[in-house]
Amino acid sequence: MHPLTLPMLAATLLGLAACATTRPFDTARYDARTNPAEVAENPEFYTDAAFLWGGVIVNSVNTQNGTQIEVLAYPLDSSQQPDTDLTPGGRFLVTDERYLETLDYAPGRLLTVGGALTGTREGQIGDASYVYPVIRPDGLRLWPKDSQRNDPQFHIGIGAVFGR
């Protein structure tokens, strides 16, 4: 074997691993098929259920008890990223006992959450009353700001990108 072959092979494998999408949540633990709108219609049916939901952050606020995040839900794609090209499935609240930086969890960012339903909360969207399912997260995945689906999702190439 040529002496440079092993380092080149290692670099190639590391490069491919860096491009791979990780699945942050074990789908066997969560219901990813039922959306927040369905839960809001019949919350008593989903008592003690755990869900895998995602969407676009509408609002986040720090309170005395932690952080509350309002999310407009979208179906998740195969990498568990919210697919904003599809029809939204209602809204939900994430209540985390930790202090989360609201500048990071800002409106417009994509978020995926796995956690237990703790109930519902009455709220308002404009002048309309709304029932929000409330999730206590086991895990959160805040997607990078540039992960929105503005350009094609298929790329082939070797090299670097400068001055984006």
C-alpha atoms as a PDB file:
ATOM      1  CA  MET A   1       0.000   0.000   0.000  1.00  0.00           C
ATOM      2  CA  HIS A   2       1.309   3.441  -0.894  1.00  0.00           C
ATOM      3  CA  PRO A   3       2.271   5.499   2.215  1.00  0.00           C
ATOM      4  CA  LEU A   4      -0.135   8.333   1.333  1.00  0.00           C
ATOM      5  CA  THR A   5      -3.107   6.018   0.747  1.00  0.00           C
ATOM      6  CA  LEU A   6      -3.979   5.512   4.421  1.00  0.00           C
ATOM      7  CA  PRO A   7      -4.004   9.244   5.333  1.00  0.00           C
ATOM      8  CA  MET A   8      -6.049  10.020   2.219  1.00  0.00           C
ATOM      9  CA  LEU A   9      -8.524   7.264   3.064  1.00  0.00           C
ATOM     10  CA  ALA A  10      -8.808   8.550   6.640  1.00  0.00           C
ATOM     11  CA  ALA A  11      -9.375  12.128   5.425  1.00  0.00           C
ATOM     12  CA  THR A  12     -12.049  10.957   2.992  1.00  0.00           C
ATOM     13  CA  LEU A  13     -13.890   8.994   5.683  1.00  0.00           C
ATOM     14  CA  LEU A  14     -13.731  11.951   8.090  1.00  0.00           C
ATOM     15  CA  GLY A  15     -15.081  14.230   5.367  1.00  0.00           C
ATOM     16  CA  LEU A  16     -17.970  11.890   4.659  1.00  0.00           C
ATOM     17  CA  ALA A  17     -18.735  11.558   8.365  1.00  0.00           C
ATOM     18  CA  ALA A  18     -18.831  15.344   8.695  1.00  0.00           C
ATOM     19  CA  CYS A  19     -21.439  15.500   5.924  1.00  0.00           C
ATOM     20  CA  ALA A  20     -23.631  12.821   7.488  1.00  0.00           C
ATOM     21  CA  THR A  21     -26.763  13.940   9.263  1.00  0.00           C
ATOM     22  CA  THR A  22     -27.156  12.674  12.791  1.00  0.00           C
ATOM     23  CA  ARG A  23     -30.476  11.539  14.185  1.00  0.00           C
ATOM     24  CA  PRO A  24     -30.607  13.159  17.612  1.00  0.00           C
ATOM     25  CA  PHE A  25     -33.743  11.363  18.811  1.00  0.00           C
ATOM     26  CA  ASP A  26     -34.631   7.680  19.117  1.00  0.00           C
ATOM     27  CA  THR A  27     -37.894   7.484  17.181  1.00  0.00           C
ATOM     28  CA  ALA A  28     -38.995   4.402  19.132  1.00  0.00           C
ATOM     29  CA  ARG A  29     -39.421   6.568  22.259  1.00  0.00           C
ATOM     30  CA  TYR A  30     -41.673   9.180  20.671  1.00  0.00           C
ATOM     31  CA  ASP A  31     -44.848   9.534  18.644  1.00  0.00           C
ATOM     32  CA  ALA A  32     -43.860  11.570  15.591  1.00  0.00           C
ATOM     33  CA  ARG A  33     -47.088  10.919  13.639  1.00  0.00           C
ATOM     34  CA  THR A  34     -49.544  12.829  15.836  1.00  0.00           C
ATOM     35  CA  ASN A  35     -49.304  16.585  15.418  1.00  0.00           C
ATOM     36  CA  PRO A  36     -49.994  19.289  18.037  1.00  0.00           C
ATOM     37  CA  ALA A  37     -53.346  20.252  16.467  1.00  0.00           C
ATOM     38  CA  GLU A  38     -54.627  16.685  16.964  1.00  0.00           C
ATOM     39  CA  VAL A  39     -53.437  16.689  20.580  1.00  0.00           C
ATOM     40  CA  ALA A  40     -55.078  20.060  21.265  1.00  0.00           C
ATOM     41  CA  GLU A  41     -58.441  18.693  20.062  1.00  0.00           C
ATOM     42  CA  ASN A  42     -58.412  15.755  22.495  1.00  0.00           C
ATOM     43  CA  PRO A  43     -55.607  16.211  25.065  1.00  0.00           C
ATOM     44  CA  GLU A  44     -56.989  13.707  27.599  1.00  0.00           C
ATOM     45  CA  PHE A  45     -56.469  10.923  25.048  1.00  0.00           C
ATOM     46  CA  TYR A  46     -52.718  11.677  24.981  1.00  0.00           C
ATOM     47  CA  THR A  47     -52.037  11.815  28.746  1.00  0.00           C
ATOM     48  CA  ASP A  48     -48.455  10.737  29.528  1.00  0.00           C
ATOM     49  CA  ALA A  49     -47.559  10.495  25.821  1.00  0.00           C
ATOM     50  CA  ALA A  50     -44.149  11.496  24.455  1.00  0.00           C
ATOM     51  CA  PHE A  51     -43.857  13.269  21.131  1.00  0.00           C
ATOM     52  CA  LEU A  52     -41.196  14.173  18.602  1.00  0.00           C
ATOM     53  CA  TRP A  53     -42.220  17.512  17.134  1.00  0.00           C
ATOM     54  CA  GLY A  54     -40.488  20.293  15.321  1.00  0.00           C
ATOM     55  CA  GLY A  55     -41.166  23.574  13.681  1.00  0.00           C
ATOM     56  CA  VAL A  56     -40.371  27.251  13.483  1.00  0.00           C
ATOM     57  CA  ILE A  57     -39.915  29.211  16.696  1.00  0.00           C
ATOM     58  CA  VAL A  58     -42.582  31.903  16.971  1.00  0.00           C
ATOM     59  CA  ASN A  59     -41.543  33.310  20.342  1.00  0.00           C
ATOM     60  CA  SER A  60     -39.321  32.514  23.307  1.00  0.00           C
ATOM     61  CA  VAL A  61     -39.331  34.066  26.749  1.00  0.00           C
ATOM     62  CA  ASN A  62     -37.432  33.474  29.966  1.00  0.00           C
ATOM     63  CA  THR A  63     -39.597  33.258  33.086  1.00  0.00           C
ATOM     64  CA  GLN A  64     -38.954  32.648  36.780  1.00  0.00           C
ATOM     65  CA  ASN A  65     -39.434  28.930  36.080  1.00  0.00           C
ATOM     66  CA  GLY A  66     -37.147  28.608  33.032  1.00  0.00           C
ATOM     67  CA  THR A  67     -37.784  29.190  29.343  1.00  0.00           C
ATOM     68  CA  GLN A  68     -40.993  28.934  27.317  1.00  0.00           C
ATOM     69  CA  ILE A  69     -40.807  28.545  23.546  1.00  0.00           C
ATOM     70  CA  GLU A  70     -43.820  28.809  21.213  1.00  0.00           C
ATOM     71  CA  VAL A  71     -43.399  26.730  18.060  1.00  0.00           C
ATOM     72  CA  LEU A  72     -45.410  26.512  14.834  1.00  0.00           C
ATOM     73  CA  ALA A  73     -45.217  22.775  14.086  1.00  0.00           C
ATOM     74  CA  TYR A  74     -44.234  21.265  10.746  1.00  0.00           C
ATOM     75  CA  PRO A  75     -43.801  17.601   9.810  1.00  0.00           C
ATOM     76  CA  LEU A  76     -40.257  16.282  10.210  1.00  0.00           C
ATOM     77  CA  ASP A  77     -38.172  15.031   7.308  1.00  0.00           C
ATOM     78  CA  SER A  78     -35.955  11.922   7.401  1.00  0.00           C
ATOM     79  CA  SER A  79     -33.245  13.832   9.295  1.00  0.00           C
ATOM     80  CA  GLN A  80     -35.840  15.003  11.857  1.00  0.00           C
ATOM     81  CA  GLN A  81     -35.664  18.584  10.593  1.00  0.00           C
ATOM     82  CA  PRO A  82     -38.951  20.504  10.278  1.00  0.00           C
ATOM     83  CA  ASP A  83     -40.045  20.619   6.642  1.00  0.00           C
ATOM     84  CA  THR A  84     -41.483  24.105   6.184  1.00  0.00           C
ATOM     85  CA  ASP A  85     -42.510  23.281   2.604  1.00  0.00           C
ATOM     86  CA  LEU A  86     -45.342  21.156   4.058  1.00  0.00           C
ATOM     87  CA  THR A  87     -48.548  22.232   5.810  1.00  0.00           C
ATOM     88  CA  PRO A  88     -48.133  23.265   9.466  1.00  0.00           C
ATOM     89  CA  GLY A  89     -49.742  21.084  12.143  1.00  0.00           C
ATOM     90  CA  GLY A  90     -50.686  23.554  14.856  1.00  0.00           C
ATOM     91  CA  ARG A  91     -48.672  25.204  17.588  1.00  0.00           C
ATOM     92  CA  PHE A  92     -47.188  23.942  20.816  1.00  0.00           C
ATOM     93  CA  LEU A  93     -45.256  25.230  23.808  1.00  0.00           C
ATOM     94  CA  VAL A  94     -41.949  23.927  25.106  1.00  0.00           C
ATOM     95  CA  THR A  95     -41.412  24.594  28.807  1.00  0.00           C
ATOM     96  CA  ASP A  96     -37.840  23.976  29.889  1.00  0.00           C
ATOM     97  CA  GLU A  97     -36.759  24.381  33.515  1.00  0.00           C
ATOM     98  CA  ARG A  98     -33.376  25.620  32.321  1.00  0.00           C
ATOM     99  CA  TYR A  99     -32.511  29.123  31.229  1.00  0.00           C
ATOM    100  CA  LEU A 100     -32.118  29.003  27.439  1.00  0.00           C
ATOM    101  CA  GLU A 101     -30.682  31.976  25.612  1.00  0.00           C
ATOM    102  CA  THR A 102     -33.610  33.569  23.796  1.00  0.00           C
ATOM    103  CA  LEU A 103     -31.243  35.173  21.278  1.00  0.00           C
ATOM    104  CA  ASP A 104     -30.318  31.640  20.194  1.00  0.00           C
ATOM    105  CA  TYR A 105     -33.914  30.354  20.408  1.00  0.00           C
ATOM    106  CA  ALA A 106     -35.118  33.316  18.373  1.00  0.00           C
ATOM    107  CA  PRO A 107     -38.192  33.638  16.144  1.00  0.00           C
ATOM    108  CA  GLY A 108     -37.657  32.040  12.757  1.00  0.00           C
ATOM    109  CA  ARG A 109     -35.172  29.385  13.930  1.00  0.00           C
ATOM    110  CA  LEU A 110     -35.970  25.714  13.331  1.00  0.00           C
ATOM    111  CA  LEU A 111     -36.282  23.473  16.395  1.00  0.00           C
ATOM    112  CA  THR A 112     -36.885  19.759  16.957  1.00  0.00           C
ATOM    113  CA  VAL A 113     -38.084  18.628  20.382  1.00  0.00           C
ATOM    114  CA  GLY A 114     -38.552  15.234  21.970  1.00  0.00           C
ATOM    115  CA  GLY A 115     -40.436  15.173  25.235  1.00  0.00           C
ATOM    116  CA  ALA A 116     -43.429  14.365  27.370  1.00  0.00           C
ATOM    117  CA  LEU A 117     -46.804  16.060  27.113  1.00  0.00           C
ATOM    118  CA  THR A 118     -47.497  17.810  30.418  1.00  0.00           C
ATOM    119  CA  GLY A 119     -50.934  19.144  29.509  1.00  0.00           C
ATOM    120  CA  THR A 120     -52.357  22.078  27.613  1.00  0.00           C
ATOM    121  CA  ARG A 121     -52.457  25.815  28.146  1.00  0.00           C
ATOM    122  CA  GLU A 122     -55.010  28.350  26.967  1.00  0.00           C
ATOM    123  CA  GLY A 123     -53.558  31.222  24.992  1.00  0.00           C
ATOM    124  CA  GLN A 124     -54.190  33.746  22.249  1.00  0.00           C
ATOM    125  CA  ILE A 125     -53.091  34.018  18.645  1.00  0.00           C
ATOM    126  CA  GLY A 126     -54.079  37.539  17.757  1.00  0.00           C
ATOM    127  CA  ASP A 127     -57.691  37.869  18.920  1.00  0.00           C
ATOM    128  CA  ALA A 128     -58.421  34.139  18.706  1.00  0.00           C
ATOM    129  CA  SER A 129     -58.299  31.754  21.656  1.00  0.00           C
ATOM    130  CA  TYR A 130     -55.951  28.819  21.212  1.00  0.00           C
ATOM    131  CA  VAL A 131     -55.169  25.601  23.088  1.00  0.00           C
ATOM    132  CA  TYR A 132     -51.449  24.842  23.174  1.00  0.00           C
ATOM    133  CA  PRO A 133     -50.160  21.357  23.955  1.00  0.00           C
ATOM    134  CA  VAL A 134     -47.228  21.757  26.376  1.00  0.00           C
ATOM    135  CA  ILE A 135     -44.074  19.623  26.091  1.00  0.00           C
ATOM    136  CA  ARG A 136     -41.385  19.173  28.738  1.00  0.00           C
ATOM    137  CA  PRO A 137     -38.299  18.411  26.625  1.00  0.00           C
ATOM    138  CA  ASP A 138     -35.992  15.431  27.051  1.00  0.00           C
ATOM    139  CA  GLY A 139     -33.922  16.923  24.261  1.00  0.00           C
ATOM    140  CA  LEU A 140     -33.829  19.910  21.953  1.00  0.00           C
ATOM    141  CA  ARG A 141     -32.144  20.332  18.598  1.00  0.00           C
ATOM    142  CA  LEU A 142     -31.764  23.895  17.435  1.00  0.00           C
ATOM    143  CA  TRP A 143     -30.973  23.777  13.739  1.00  0.00           C
ATOM    144  CA  PRO A 144     -28.266  26.031  12.273  1.00  0.00           C
ATOM    145  CA  LYS A 145     -29.502  29.342  10.910  1.00  0.00           C
ATOM    146  CA  ASP A 146     -28.488  28.358   7.391  1.00  0.00           C
ATOM    147  CA  SER A 147     -30.450  25.071   7.467  1.00  0.00           C
ATOM    148  CA  GLN A 148     -33.619  26.630   6.032  1.00  0.00           C
ATOM    149  CA  ARG A 149     -34.638  25.050   2.725  1.00  0.00           C
ATOM    150  CA  ASN A 150     -33.810  27.978   0.470  1.00  0.00           C
ATOM    151  CA  ASP A 151     -31.472  26.138  -1.910  1.00  0.00           C
ATOM    152  CA  PRO A 152     -31.209  22.621  -3.266  1.00  0.00           C
ATOM    153  CA  GLN A 153     -30.500  20.009  -0.605  1.00  0.00           C
ATOM    154  CA  PHE A 154     -28.256  17.868  -2.841  1.00  0.00           C
ATOM    155  CA  HIS A 155     -24.610  18.875  -3.214  1.00  0.00           C
ATOM    156  CA  ILE A 156     -21.625  17.049  -4.677  1.00  0.00           C
ATOM    157  CA  GLY A 157     -18.148  18.409  -4.530  1.00  0.00           C
ATOM    158  CA  ILE A 158     -14.765  18.538  -2.966  1.00  0.00           C
ATOM    159  CA  GLY A 159     -13.242  21.735  -1.734  1.00  0.00           C
ATOM    160  CA  ALA A 160     -14.102  24.728   0.348  1.00  0.00           C
ATOM    161  CA  VAL A 161     -16.601  27.550   0.209  1.00  0.00           C
ATOM    162  CA  PHE A 162     -15.375  31.057   0.977  1.00  0.00           C
ATOM    163  CA  GLY A 163     -17.198  34.346   1.517  1.00  0.00           C
ATOM    164  CA  ARG A 164     -20.716  33.000   1.792  1.00  0.00           C
END
